[in-house]
Every structure is written in C-alpha cells, then in structure tokens.
Amino acid sequence: MPVDVIDSTMTVVPRHVQIHERKRGSVGFEPGWWLLPILRGEMVQVGSLQFHRVNLGVGNLSPSRGIRSRRVSSAVSDFDGATLPSDHIPYGAALAPHDLDATFARAREVSARCGA
C-alpha cells in the first residue's frame, strides 16, 4: 500500500473525532465499528473518497444483507463471497468532476499496485 494512501486513510480518526465533537459537544467518536475495516486494511482513503473492499454476502457490512426481495436475494447469493469495491463519500469530500476524476484515476493505480 502506498505510504500517502496509508497517511490519508489514518486522517479518518481525527475527522471522526471532529464530527463527534460537532454533534455531541464532547471529545470521542461513534460508532467505533467503522474503525475495524480501516485497521484490517479493508478500507482506504484515496483522493476525496474512501474505498472499502467487501465480500458479498459475508459479514454485517455486506451489501446483500439489506436486500429484501427473495428474487434479488437468491440472484445475489450466487455471488456470495465475491470481493468487490464499495465507496464512501466522507463529510466534506471534494466532489467536483475534476476531483472525482483524479480520485478514481488514483484509486485504479493503487488497486493495480496492490493486486486488487
């Protein structure tokens, strides 16, 4: 993993402390579960977005867990265990077209470098 991506990813901790302070008026962060994918190296900050590697149908952060339709759920279950990227738009993210173009270009570069 490139050092700049690791450094950028770890800025999420003080950012969440600021969000907590803005919402609650005290120092802390919640919920703490969001830190687990970061510590496991499953979520990284690249450019203005966070990218999260998820295994479809596995774990409580899996996209298929919220699917209600039996028809869709059975179709998705055929892919259970497949790894796919998910993205997250953090508070204050730069979303101008040129910012997103740069973010996705860098994300492709990081993904290729890391063999994902």
Protein backbone atom coordinates (compact mmCIF):
# COMPACT_ATOMS: atom_id res chain seq x y z
CA MET A 1 0.00 0.00 0.00
CA PRO A 2 1.45 3.42 -0.91
CA VAL A 3 2.50 5.48 2.12
CA ASP A 4 0.44 8.50 1.03
CA VAL A 5 -2.69 6.33 0.96
CA ILE A 6 -1.97 4.96 4.45
CA ASP A 7 -1.39 8.50 5.76
CA SER A 8 -4.59 9.75 4.13
CA THR A 9 -6.56 6.79 5.47
CA MET A 10 -5.47 7.42 9.03
CA THR A 11 -6.80 11.00 8.91
CA VAL A 12 -10.22 9.42 9.35
CA VAL A 13 -9.68 9.15 13.11
CA PRO A 14 -9.31 12.89 13.85
CA ARG A 15 -12.04 13.60 11.29
CA HIS A 16 -14.49 11.37 13.17
CA VAL A 17 -13.47 12.95 16.46
CA GLN A 18 -14.35 16.35 14.94
CA ILE A 19 -17.71 15.02 13.74
CA HIS A 20 -18.45 13.65 17.22
CA GLU A 21 -17.49 16.95 18.83
CA ARG A 22 -19.70 18.87 16.38
CA LYS A 23 -22.66 16.56 17.07
CA ARG A 24 -22.24 15.89 20.79
CA GLY A 25 -20.12 18.77 22.12
CA SER A 26 -17.58 16.36 23.64
CA VAL A 27 -14.44 14.52 22.59
CA GLY A 28 -14.94 10.96 21.33
CA PHE A 29 -16.14 9.05 18.29
CA GLU A 30 -19.02 6.80 17.42
CA PRO A 31 -19.72 4.25 16.22
CA GLY A 32 -16.40 2.54 16.76
CA TRP A 33 -17.15 -0.32 14.31
CA TRP A 34 -16.13 1.89 11.34
CA LEU A 35 -12.54 1.73 12.58
CA LEU A 36 -12.31 -2.06 12.14
CA PRO A 37 -12.22 -2.12 8.30
CA ILE A 38 -9.52 0.58 8.41
CA LEU A 39 -7.36 -1.33 10.88
CA ARG A 40 -7.79 -4.53 8.86
CA GLY A 41 -6.68 -2.71 5.68
CA GLU A 42 -10.09 -3.22 4.04
CA MET A 43 -10.92 0.49 3.78
CA VAL A 44 -8.60 3.14 2.41
CA GLN A 45 -8.84 6.84 1.67
CA VAL A 46 -7.80 7.61 -1.90
CA GLY A 47 -8.24 11.20 -3.00
CA SER A 48 -11.56 12.52 -1.77
CA LEU A 49 -13.30 9.14 -1.29
CA GLN A 50 -12.94 6.06 0.86
CA PHE A 51 -12.89 2.66 -0.80
CA HIS A 52 -13.99 -0.41 1.12
CA ARG A 53 -13.31 -3.97 -0.05
CA VAL A 54 -16.31 -6.09 0.88
CA ASN A 55 -17.11 -9.76 0.45
CA LEU A 56 -20.64 -10.08 -0.89
CA GLY A 57 -22.91 -11.95 1.49
CA VAL A 58 -20.23 -12.19 4.20
CA GLY A 59 -20.33 -10.07 7.36
CA ASN A 60 -22.61 -7.33 8.59
CA LEU A 61 -21.24 -4.71 6.16
CA SER A 62 -22.08 -6.82 3.13
CA PRO A 63 -24.31 -5.17 0.53
CA SER A 64 -26.57 -8.22 0.19
CA ARG A 65 -27.64 -8.18 3.86
CA GLY A 66 -30.09 -5.34 3.24
CA ILE A 67 -31.75 -6.91 0.18
CA ARG A 68 -35.38 -7.82 0.91
CA SER A 69 -36.64 -9.32 -2.35
CA ARG A 70 -36.32 -13.11 -2.48
CA ARG A 71 -35.77 -12.99 -6.23
CA VAL A 72 -32.93 -10.49 -5.97
CA SER A 73 -31.57 -12.09 -2.81
CA SER A 74 -31.28 -15.51 -4.47
CA ALA A 75 -29.58 -13.99 -7.51
CA VAL A 76 -27.09 -12.16 -5.29
CA SER A 77 -26.44 -15.28 -3.21
CA ASP A 78 -24.92 -16.90 -6.32
CA PHE A 79 -22.08 -14.42 -5.84
CA ASP A 80 -21.68 -14.78 -2.06
CA GLY A 81 -18.03 -14.49 -1.13
CA ALA A 82 -17.11 -12.44 -4.21
CA THR A 83 -14.89 -9.47 -3.37
CA LEU A 84 -15.95 -6.10 -4.71
CA PRO A 85 -15.14 -2.46 -4.01
CA SER A 86 -17.60 -0.19 -2.28
CA ASP A 87 -17.11 3.52 -1.91
CA HIS A 88 -17.96 6.00 0.79
CA ILE A 89 -18.28 9.77 0.48
CA PRO A 90 -16.85 11.27 3.66
CA TYR A 91 -18.12 14.53 5.11
CA GLY A 92 -16.57 17.46 3.24
CA ALA A 93 -15.32 15.35 0.31
CA ALA A 94 -14.29 17.21 -2.85
CA LEU A 95 -16.94 16.19 -5.39
CA ALA A 96 -16.20 18.45 -8.35
CA PRO A 97 -15.82 16.44 -11.59
CA HIS A 98 -12.06 17.08 -11.81
CA ASP A 99 -11.62 16.00 -8.15
CA LEU A 100 -13.54 12.77 -8.75
CA ASP A 101 -11.64 12.08 -11.99
CA ALA A 102 -8.35 12.42 -10.07
CA THR A 103 -9.67 10.27 -7.21
CA PHE A 104 -10.81 7.41 -9.45
CA ALA A 105 -7.60 7.54 -11.53
CA ARG A 106 -5.53 7.28 -8.34
CA ALA A 107 -7.80 4.53 -6.98
CA ARG A 108 -7.25 2.46 -10.15
CA GLU A 109 -3.49 2.98 -9.80
CA VAL A 110 -3.50 1.95 -6.11
CA SER A 111 -5.73 -1.05 -6.83
CA ALA A 112 -3.43 -2.27 -9.61
CA ARG A 113 -0.36 -1.76 -7.43
CA CYS A 114 -1.91 -3.70 -4.57
CA GLY A 115 -3.12 -6.52 -6.80
CA ALA A 116 -6.80 -5.94 -6.04
